[in-house]
C-alpha atoms as a PDB file:
ATOM      1  CA  MET A   1       4.061 -31.299 -35.890  1.00  0.00           C
ATOM      2  CA  TRP A   2       4.420 -27.630 -36.908  1.00  0.00           C
ATOM      3  CA  ILE A   3       0.785 -27.008 -36.057  1.00  0.00           C
ATOM      4  CA  THR A   4       1.374 -28.225 -32.503  1.00  0.00           C
ATOM      5  CA  ILE A   5       4.505 -26.095 -32.072  1.00  0.00           C
ATOM      6  CA  THR A   6       2.714 -23.041 -33.485  1.00  0.00           C
ATOM      7  CA  ALA A   7      -0.246 -23.598 -31.154  1.00  0.00           C
ATOM      8  CA  ILE A   8       2.000 -23.896 -28.093  1.00  0.00           C
ATOM      9  CA  VAL A   9       3.974 -20.765 -29.013  1.00  0.00           C
ATOM     10  CA  ALA A  10       0.745 -18.854 -29.679  1.00  0.00           C
ATOM     11  CA  LEU A  11      -0.627 -19.948 -26.295  1.00  0.00           C
ATOM     12  CA  ILE A  12       2.521 -18.807 -24.471  1.00  0.00           C
ATOM     13  CA  VAL A  13       2.630 -15.471 -26.317  1.00  0.00           C
ATOM     14  CA  GLY A  14      -1.087 -14.901 -25.702  1.00  0.00           C
ATOM     15  CA  ALA A  15      -0.799 -15.687 -21.996  1.00  0.00           C
ATOM     16  CA  ALA A  16       2.199 -13.369 -21.587  1.00  0.00           C
ATOM     17  CA  GLY A  17       0.475 -10.601 -23.550  1.00  0.00           C
ATOM     18  CA  GLY A  18      -2.699 -10.964 -21.488  1.00  0.00           C
ATOM     19  CA  PHE A  19      -0.744 -10.834 -18.264  1.00  0.00           C
ATOM     20  CA  PHE A  20       1.067  -7.632 -19.207  1.00  0.00           C
ATOM     21  CA  ALA A  21      -2.138  -6.046 -20.493  1.00  0.00           C
ATOM     22  CA  GLY A  22      -3.821  -6.890 -17.174  1.00  0.00           C
ATOM     23  CA  VAL A  23      -0.970  -5.382 -15.159  1.00  0.00           C
ATOM     24  CA  PHE A  24      -1.083  -2.209 -17.285  1.00  0.00           C
ATOM     25  CA  TYR A  25      -4.868  -1.927 -16.808  1.00  0.00           C
ATOM     26  CA  LEU A  26      -4.620  -2.476 -13.045  1.00  0.00           C
ATOM     27  CA  ARG A  27      -1.926   0.201 -12.690  1.00  0.00           C
ATOM     28  CA  LYS A  28      -4.039   2.699 -14.624  1.00  0.00           C
ATOM     29  CA  GLN A  29      -7.042   1.943 -12.398  1.00  0.00           C
ATOM     30  CA  LEU A  30      -4.962   2.454  -9.243  1.00  0.00           C
ATOM     31  CA  GLU A  31      -3.582   5.752 -10.552  1.00  0.00           C
ATOM     32  CA  ARG A  32      -7.089   6.939 -11.370  1.00  0.00           C
ATOM     33  CA  MET A  33      -8.318   5.865  -7.942  1.00  0.00           C
ATOM     34  CA  GLN A  34      -5.782   8.155  -6.240  1.00  0.00           C
ATOM     35  CA  SER A  35      -7.550  11.265  -7.461  1.00  0.00           C
ATOM     36  CA  ASP A  36     -11.145   9.973  -7.509  1.00  0.00           C
ATOM     37  CA  PRO A  37     -12.581   9.380  -4.022  1.00  0.00           C
ATOM     38  CA  GLU A  38     -15.823   7.971  -5.443  1.00  0.00           C
ATOM     39  CA  MET A  39     -13.915   5.209  -7.187  1.00  0.00           C
ATOM     40  CA  LEU A  40     -12.043   4.391  -3.960  1.00  0.00           C
ATOM     41  CA  GLN A  41     -15.333   4.338  -2.032  1.00  0.00           C
ATOM     42  CA  LYS A  42     -16.864   1.996  -4.622  1.00  0.00           C
ATOM     43  CA  MET A  43     -13.930  -0.404  -4.343  1.00  0.00           C
ATOM     44  CA  ALA A  44     -14.155  -0.372  -0.555  1.00  0.00           C
ATOM     45  CA  LYS A  45     -17.880  -1.176  -0.682  1.00  0.00           C
ATOM     46  CA  GLN A  46     -17.224  -4.064  -3.076  1.00  0.00           C
ATOM     47  CA  MET A  47     -14.796  -5.458  -0.525  1.00  0.00           C
ATOM     48  CA  GLY A  48     -17.376  -5.065   2.250  1.00  0.00           C
ATOM     49  CA  TYR A  49     -16.028  -1.936   3.948  1.00  0.00           C
ATOM     50  CA  ASN A  50     -17.842   1.321   4.654  1.00  0.00           C
ATOM     51  CA  MET A  51     -15.332   4.136   4.984  1.00  0.00           C
ATOM     52  CA  ASN A  52     -16.045   7.508   6.577  1.00  0.00           C
ATOM     53  CA  LYS A  53     -14.466  10.747   5.332  1.00  0.00           C
ATOM     54  CA  GLN A  54     -11.467  10.510   7.636  1.00  0.00           C
ATOM     55  CA  GLN A  55     -10.725   6.950   6.511  1.00  0.00           C
ATOM     56  CA  MET A  56     -11.132   7.985   2.873  1.00  0.00           C
ATOM     57  CA  GLN A  57      -8.659  10.840   3.288  1.00  0.00           C
ATOM     58  CA  LYS A  58      -6.179   8.524   4.992  1.00  0.00           C
ATOM     59  CA  ALA A  59      -6.527   5.922   2.223  1.00  0.00           C
ATOM     60  CA  GLN A  60      -6.062   8.558  -0.486  1.00  0.00           C
ATOM     61  CA  HIS A  61      -3.006   9.931   1.293  1.00  0.00           C
ATOM     62  CA  MET A  62      -1.507   6.445   1.539  1.00  0.00           C
ATOM     63  CA  MET A  63      -2.169   5.792  -2.151  1.00  0.00           C
ATOM     64  CA  LYS A  64      -0.596   9.105  -3.179  1.00  0.00           C
ATOM     65  CA  ASN A  65       2.541   8.201  -1.225  1.00  0.00           C
ATOM     66  CA  GLN A  66       2.646   4.761  -2.855  1.00  0.00           C
ATOM     67  CA  LYS A  67       4.994   4.607  -5.846  1.00  0.00           C
ATOM     68  CA  PHE A  68       3.886   2.314  -8.669  1.00  0.00           C
ATOM     69  CA  LYS A  69       6.888   0.886 -10.480  1.00  0.00           C
ATOM     70  CA  ARG A  70       6.840   0.924 -14.254  1.00  0.00           C
END
């Protein structure tokens, strides 16, 4: 019985820890993308968009104005 309870608690703790680690990683990537236009261009291409310089500048400006809550 204790093995089952321990396994369930470990699963819940692991899932919560993985979620928060993923959120932290995603926030760091978004912060890095604000100052690196090549990274933003790469993400846009992965999503199927080709952005010109004007669109890139507009996207960077929008991301700089975006506040990421911590």
